[in-house]
PDB file of all heavy atoms in Angstrom:
ATOM      1  N   VAL A   1     133.160  72.228 -20.614  1.00  0.00           N
ATOM      2  CA  VAL A   1     132.618  73.392 -21.278  1.00  0.00           C
ATOM      3  C   VAL A   1     131.126  73.382 -21.359  1.00  0.00           C
ATOM      4  O   VAL A   1     130.444  74.440 -21.154  1.00  0.00           O
ATOM      5  CB  VAL A   1     133.190  73.437 -22.656  1.00  0.00           C
ATOM      6  CG1 VAL A   1     132.572  74.537 -23.607  1.00  0.00           C
ATOM      7  CG2 VAL A   1     134.752  73.606 -22.702  1.00  0.00           C
ATOM      8  N   GLU A   2     130.558  72.190 -21.560  1.00  0.00           N
ATOM      9  CA  GLU A   2     129.027  72.146 -21.695  1.00  0.00           C
ATOM     10  C   GLU A   2     128.495  72.510 -20.282  1.00  0.00           C
ATOM     11  O   GLU A   2     127.541  73.373 -20.281  1.00  0.00           O
ATOM     12  CB  GLU A   2     128.673  70.678 -22.022  1.00  0.00           C
ATOM     13  CG  GLU A   2     127.175  70.476 -22.081  1.00  0.00           C
ATOM     14  CD  GLU A   2     126.928  69.053 -22.444  1.00  0.00           C
ATOM     15  OE1 GLU A   2     127.205  68.116 -21.616  1.00  0.00           O
ATOM     16  OE2 GLU A   2     126.339  68.778 -23.488  1.00  0.00           O
ATOM     17  N   SER A   3     128.994  71.934 -19.223  1.00  0.00           N
ATOM     18  CA  SER A   3     128.350  72.242 -17.930  1.00  0.00           C
ATOM     19  C   SER A   3     128.493  73.697 -17.476  1.00  0.00           C
ATOM     20  O   SER A   3     127.619  74.308 -16.854  1.00  0.00           O
ATOM     21  CB  SER A   3     128.951  71.287 -16.945  1.00  0.00           C
ATOM     22  OG  SER A   3     128.558  69.919 -17.169  1.00  0.00           O
ATOM     23  N   MET A   4     129.748  74.167 -17.758  1.00  0.00           N
ATOM     24  CA  MET A   4     130.006  75.645 -17.400  1.00  0.00           C
ATOM     25  C   MET A   4     129.136  76.597 -18.185  1.00  0.00           C
ATOM     26  O   MET A   4     128.797  77.604 -17.655  1.00  0.00           O
ATOM     27  CB  MET A   4     131.520  75.898 -17.504  1.00  0.00           C
ATOM     28  CG  MET A   4     132.381  75.156 -16.537  1.00  0.00           C
ATOM     29  SD  MET A   4     134.088  75.754 -16.536  1.00  0.00           S
ATOM     30  CE  MET A   4     134.670  75.182 -18.211  1.00  0.00           C
ATOM     31  N   THR A   5     128.829  76.192 -19.411  1.00  0.00           N
ATOM     32  CA  THR A   5     127.962  77.044 -20.236  1.00  0.00           C
ATOM     33  C   THR A   5     126.541  77.190 -19.592  1.00  0.00           C
ATOM     34  O   THR A   5     125.949  78.178 -19.463  1.00  0.00           O
ATOM     35  CB  THR A   5     127.869  76.550 -21.621  1.00  0.00           C
ATOM     36  OG1 THR A   5     129.115  76.582 -22.268  1.00  0.00           O
ATOM     37  CG2 THR A   5     126.880  77.330 -22.464  1.00  0.00           C
ATOM     38  N   GLU A   6     126.128  75.974 -19.091  1.00  0.00           N
ATOM     39  CA  GLU A   6     124.772  75.918 -18.557  1.00  0.00           C
ATOM     40  C   GLU A   6     124.730  76.660 -17.210  1.00  0.00           C
ATOM     41  O   GLU A   6     123.671  77.392 -16.887  1.00  0.00           O
ATOM     42  CB  GLU A   6     124.424  74.553 -18.140  1.00  0.00           C
ATOM     43  CG  GLU A   6     124.173  73.563 -19.427  1.00  0.00           C
ATOM     44  CD  GLU A   6     123.940  72.179 -19.084  1.00  0.00           C
ATOM     45  OE1 GLU A   6     123.726  71.869 -17.969  1.00  0.00           O
ATOM     46  OE2 GLU A   6     123.889  71.327 -20.026  1.00  0.00           O
ATOM     47  N   VAL A   7     125.815  76.817 -16.488  1.00  0.00           N
ATOM     48  CA  VAL A   7     125.876  77.486 -15.199  1.00  0.00           C
ATOM     49  C   VAL A   7     126.041  78.995 -15.460  1.00  0.00           C
ATOM     50  O   VAL A   7     125.426  79.842 -14.777  1.00  0.00           O
ATOM     51  CB  VAL A   7     127.067  77.039 -14.342  1.00  0.00           C
ATOM     52  CG1 VAL A   7     127.128  77.866 -13.134  1.00  0.00           C
ATOM     53  CG2 VAL A   7     126.720  75.592 -13.847  1.00  0.00           C
ATOM     54  N   GLY A   8     126.665  79.409 -16.560  1.00  0.00           N
ATOM     55  CA  GLY A   8     126.729  80.814 -16.891  1.00  0.00           C
ATOM     56  C   GLY A   8     128.028  81.480 -17.169  1.00  0.00           C
ATOM     57  O   GLY A   8     128.210  82.634 -17.207  1.00  0.00           O
ATOM     58  N   VAL A   9     129.046  80.613 -17.523  1.00  0.00           N
ATOM     59  CA  VAL A   9     130.390  81.160 -17.859  1.00  0.00           C
ATOM     60  C   VAL A   9     130.290  82.035 -19.179  1.00  0.00           C
ATOM     61  O   VAL A   9     129.509  81.785 -20.007  1.00  0.00           O
ATOM     62  CB  VAL A   9     131.445  80.053 -18.045  1.00  0.00           C
ATOM     63  CG1 VAL A   9     131.118  79.238 -19.419  1.00  0.00           C
ATOM     64  CG2 VAL A   9     132.855  80.462 -18.015  1.00  0.00           C
ATOM     65  N   GLU A  10     131.140  83.162 -19.148  1.00  0.00           N
ATOM     66  CA  GLU A  10     131.201  84.027 -20.285  1.00  0.00           C
ATOM     67  C   GLU A  10     132.295  83.761 -21.221  1.00  0.00           C
ATOM     68  O   GLU A  10     132.269  84.045 -22.407  1.00  0.00           O
ATOM     69  CB  GLU A  10     131.206  85.486 -19.880  1.00  0.00           C
ATOM     70  CG  GLU A  10     129.918  86.180 -19.636  1.00  0.00           C
ATOM     71  CD  GLU A  10     129.343  85.755 -18.252  1.00  0.00           C
ATOM     72  OE1 GLU A  10     130.012  85.584 -17.309  1.00  0.00           O
ATOM     73  OE2 GLU A  10     128.083  85.735 -18.201  1.00  0.00           O
ATOM     74  N   HIS A  11     133.353  83.120 -20.681  1.00  0.00           N
ATOM     75  CA  HIS A  11     134.580  82.928 -21.563  1.00  0.00           C
ATOM     76  C   HIS A  11     135.308  81.696 -21.015  1.00  0.00           C
ATOM     77  O   HIS A  11     135.610  81.599 -19.746  1.00  0.00           O
ATOM     78  CB  HIS A  11     135.455  84.163 -21.430  1.00  0.00           C
ATOM     79  CG  HIS A  11     136.608  84.191 -22.482  1.00  0.00           C
ATOM     80  ND1 HIS A  11     137.534  85.176 -22.494  1.00  0.00           N
ATOM     81  CD2 HIS A  11     136.956  83.353 -23.479  1.00  0.00           C
ATOM     82  CE1 HIS A  11     138.443  84.962 -23.471  1.00  0.00           C
ATOM     83  NE2 HIS A  11     138.033  83.816 -24.086  1.00  0.00           N
ATOM     84  N   VAL A  12     135.556  80.780 -21.913  1.00  0.00           N
ATOM     85  CA  VAL A  12     136.403  79.597 -21.549  1.00  0.00           C
ATOM     86  C   VAL A  12     137.722  79.586 -22.349  1.00  0.00           C
ATOM     87  O   VAL A  12     137.603  79.744 -23.632  1.00  0.00           O
ATOM     88  CB  VAL A  12     135.702  78.238 -21.809  1.00  0.00           C
ATOM     89  CG1 VAL A  12     136.484  77.100 -21.355  1.00  0.00           C
ATOM     90  CG2 VAL A  12     134.281  78.227 -21.029  1.00  0.00           C
ATOM     91  N   ILE A  13     138.770  79.640 -21.710  1.00  0.00           N
ATOM     92  CA  ILE A  13     140.134  79.756 -22.365  1.00  0.00           C
ATOM     93  C   ILE A  13     140.876  78.503 -22.142  1.00  0.00           C
ATOM     94  O   ILE A  13     141.147  78.020 -21.068  1.00  0.00           O
ATOM     95  CB  ILE A  13     140.935  80.962 -21.817  1.00  0.00           C
ATOM     96  CG1 ILE A  13     140.047  82.237 -21.893  1.00  0.00           C
ATOM     97  CG2 ILE A  13     142.292  81.028 -22.508  1.00  0.00           C
ATOM     98  CD1 ILE A  13     140.690  83.395 -21.155  1.00  0.00           C
ATOM     99  N   GLY A  14     141.290  77.817 -23.272  1.00  0.00           N
ATOM    100  CA  GLY A  14     142.117  76.592 -23.115  1.00  0.00           C
ATOM    101  C   GLY A  14     143.523  76.961 -22.657  1.00  0.00           C
ATOM    102  O   GLY A  14     144.086  77.997 -23.010  1.00  0.00           O
ATOM    103  N   TRP A  15     144.097  76.125 -21.747  1.00  0.00           N
ATOM    104  CA  TRP A  15     145.339  76.345 -21.188  1.00  0.00           C
ATOM    105  C   TRP A  15     146.373  75.212 -21.413  1.00  0.00           C
ATOM    106  O   TRP A  15     146.061  74.005 -21.150  1.00  0.00           O
ATOM    107  CB  TRP A  15     145.204  76.565 -19.606  1.00  0.00           C
ATOM    108  CG  TRP A  15     146.450  76.687 -18.831  1.00  0.00           C
ATOM    109  CD1 TRP A  15     147.681  77.200 -19.242  1.00  0.00           C
ATOM    110  CD2 TRP A  15     146.711  76.184 -17.497  1.00  0.00           C
ATOM    111  NE1 TRP A  15     148.644  77.159 -18.222  1.00  0.00           N
ATOM    112  CE2 TRP A  15     148.023  76.519 -17.106  1.00  0.00           C
ATOM    113  CE3 TRP A  15     145.842  75.671 -16.503  1.00  0.00           C
ATOM    114  CZ2 TRP A  15     148.534  76.180 -15.929  1.00  0.00           C
ATOM    115  CZ3 TRP A  15     146.327  75.353 -15.276  1.00  0.00           C
ATOM    116  CH2 TRP A  15     147.733  75.630 -14.958  1.00  0.00           C
ATOM    117  N   LYS A  16     147.432  75.549 -21.844  1.00  0.00           N
ATOM    118  CA  LYS A  16     148.602  74.513 -22.135  1.00  0.00           C
ATOM    119  C   LYS A  16     149.433  74.511 -20.894  1.00  0.00           C
ATOM    120  O   LYS A  16     150.384  74.975 -20.747  1.00  0.00           O
ATOM    121  CB  LYS A  16     149.452  75.029 -23.335  1.00  0.00           C
ATOM    122  CG  LYS A  16     148.746  75.015 -24.668  1.00  0.00           C
ATOM    123  CD  LYS A  16     149.668  75.172 -25.876  1.00  0.00           C
ATOM    124  CE  LYS A  16     150.438  76.472 -25.843  1.00  0.00           C
ATOM    125  NZ  LYS A  16     151.258  76.665 -26.941  1.00  0.00           N
ATOM    126  N   ALA A  17     148.863  73.672 -19.941  1.00  0.00           N
ATOM    127  CA  ALA A  17     149.611  73.395 -18.626  1.00  0.00           C
ATOM    128  C   ALA A  17     150.714  72.447 -18.825  1.00  0.00           C
ATOM    129  O   ALA A  17     150.720  71.660 -19.820  1.00  0.00           O
ATOM    130  CB  ALA A  17     148.640  72.969 -17.611  1.00  0.00           C
ATOM    131  N   GLU A  18     151.708  72.457 -17.993  1.00  0.00           N
ATOM    132  CA  GLU A  18     152.873  71.573 -18.083  1.00  0.00           C
ATOM    133  C   GLU A  18     152.445  70.154 -18.138  1.00  0.00           C
ATOM    134  O   GLU A  18     153.085  69.304 -18.736  1.00  0.00           O
ATOM    135  CB  GLU A  18     153.867  71.931 -17.013  1.00  0.00           C
ATOM    136  CG  GLU A  18     154.665  73.240 -17.197  1.00  0.00           C
ATOM    137  CD  GLU A  18     155.733  73.374 -16.128  1.00  0.00           C
ATOM    138  OE1 GLU A  18     156.347  72.417 -15.742  1.00  0.00           O
ATOM    139  OE2 GLU A  18     155.904  74.483 -15.733  1.00  0.00           O
ATOM    140  N   ARG A  19     151.503  69.797 -17.211  1.00  0.00           N
ATOM    141  CA  ARG A  19     151.100  68.378 -16.982  1.00  0.00           C
ATOM    142  C   ARG A  19     149.917  67.904 -17.815  1.00  0.00           C
ATOM    143  O   ARG A  19     149.301  66.946 -17.502  1.00  0.00           O
ATOM    144  CB  ARG A  19     150.952  68.067 -15.527  1.00  0.00           C
ATOM    145  CG  ARG A  19     152.250  68.112 -14.756  1.00  0.00           C
ATOM    146  CD  ARG A  19     152.022  67.975 -13.205  1.00  0.00           C
ATOM    147  NE  ARG A  19     153.262  68.006 -12.508  1.00  0.00           N
ATOM    148  CZ  ARG A  19     153.192  68.116 -11.134  1.00  0.00           C
ATOM    149  NH1 ARG A  19     152.106  68.221 -10.449  1.00  0.00           N
ATOM    150  NH2 ARG A  19     154.424  68.099 -10.567  1.00  0.00           N
ATOM    151  N   ASN A  20     149.582  68.726 -18.806  1.00  0.00           N
ATOM    152  CA  ASN A  20     148.492  68.299 -19.693  1.00  0.00           C
ATOM    153  C   ASN A  20     148.794  66.959 -20.384  1.00  0.00           C
ATOM    154  O   ASN A  20     149.903  66.801 -20.869  1.00  0.00           O
ATOM    155  CB  ASN A  20     148.231  69.325 -20.827  1.00  0.00           C
ATOM    156  CG  ASN A  20     147.255  70.371 -20.464  1.00  0.00           C
ATOM    157  OD1 ASN A  20     146.596  70.279 -19.414  1.00  0.00           O
ATOM    158  ND2 ASN A  20     147.076  71.380 -21.347  1.00  0.00           N
ATOM    159  N   VAL A  21     147.890  66.077 -20.282  1.00  0.00           N
ATOM    160  CA  VAL A  21     148.095  64.815 -21.018  1.00  0.00           C
ATOM    161  C   VAL A  21     147.450  64.971 -22.510  1.00  0.00           C
ATOM    162  O   VAL A  21     148.151  64.526 -23.403  1.00  0.00           O
ATOM    163  CB  VAL A  21     147.384  63.579 -20.275  1.00  0.00           C
ATOM    164  CG1 VAL A  21     147.459  62.357 -21.160  1.00  0.00           C
ATOM    165  CG2 VAL A  21     147.961  63.485 -18.911  1.00  0.00           C
ATOM    166  N   ALA A  22     146.357  65.549 -22.596  1.00  0.00           N
ATOM    167  CA  ALA A  22     145.722  65.850 -23.845  1.00  0.00           C
ATOM    168  C   ALA A  22     146.435  67.021 -24.516  1.00  0.00           C
ATOM    169  O   ALA A  22     147.120  67.833 -23.819  1.00  0.00           O
ATOM    170  CB  ALA A  22     144.256  66.083 -23.649  1.00  0.00           C
ATOM    171  N   ARG A  23     146.312  67.116 -25.872  1.00  0.00           N
ATOM    172  CA  ARG A  23     146.939  68.152 -26.584  1.00  0.00           C
ATOM    173  C   ARG A  23     145.828  68.991 -27.366  1.00  0.00           C
ATOM    174  O   ARG A  23     144.907  68.380 -27.957  1.00  0.00           O
ATOM    175  CB  ARG A  23     147.941  67.700 -27.604  1.00  0.00           C
ATOM    176  CG  ARG A  23     149.185  67.060 -26.769  1.00  0.00           C
ATOM    177  CD  ARG A  23     150.036  68.137 -26.176  1.00  0.00           C
ATOM    178  NE  ARG A  23     151.152  67.665 -25.440  1.00  0.00           N
ATOM    179  CZ  ARG A  23     151.274  67.455 -24.136  1.00  0.00           C
ATOM    180  NH1 ARG A  23     150.113  67.625 -23.429  1.00  0.00           N
ATOM    181  NH2 ARG A  23     152.299  67.070 -23.548  1.00  0.00           N
ATOM    182  N   TRP A  24     146.051  70.268 -27.489  1.00  0.00           N
ATOM    183  CA  TRP A  24     145.144  71.162 -28.214  1.00  0.00           C
ATOM    184  C   TRP A  24     145.386  70.953 -29.690  1.00  0.00           C
ATOM    185  O   TRP A  24     146.481  70.931 -30.149  1.00  0.00           O
ATOM    186  CB  TRP A  24     145.409  72.586 -27.775  1.00  0.00           C
ATOM    187  CG  TRP A  24     144.330  73.572 -28.387  1.00  0.00           C
ATOM    188  CD1 TRP A  24     144.452  74.101 -29.617  1.00  0.00           C
ATOM    189  CD2 TRP A  24     143.244  74.120 -27.744  1.00  0.00           C
ATOM    190  NE1 TRP A  24     143.404  74.943 -29.800  1.00  0.00           N
ATOM    191  CE2 TRP A  24     142.593  74.985 -28.734  1.00  0.00           C
ATOM    192  CE3 TRP A  24     142.651  74.014 -26.512  1.00  0.00           C
ATOM    193  CZ2 TRP A  24     141.462  75.688 -28.433  1.00  0.00           C
ATOM    194  CZ3 TRP A  24     141.450  74.693 -26.228  1.00  0.00           C
ATOM    195  CH2 TRP A  24     140.904  75.606 -27.147  1.00  0.00           C
TER     196      TRP A  24
END
């Protein structure tokens, strides 16, 4: 998120993918 902000992203959306190890 930090690096993408520096590059210029406008919107970052968290995704609950099937193989996520971490949890939101």
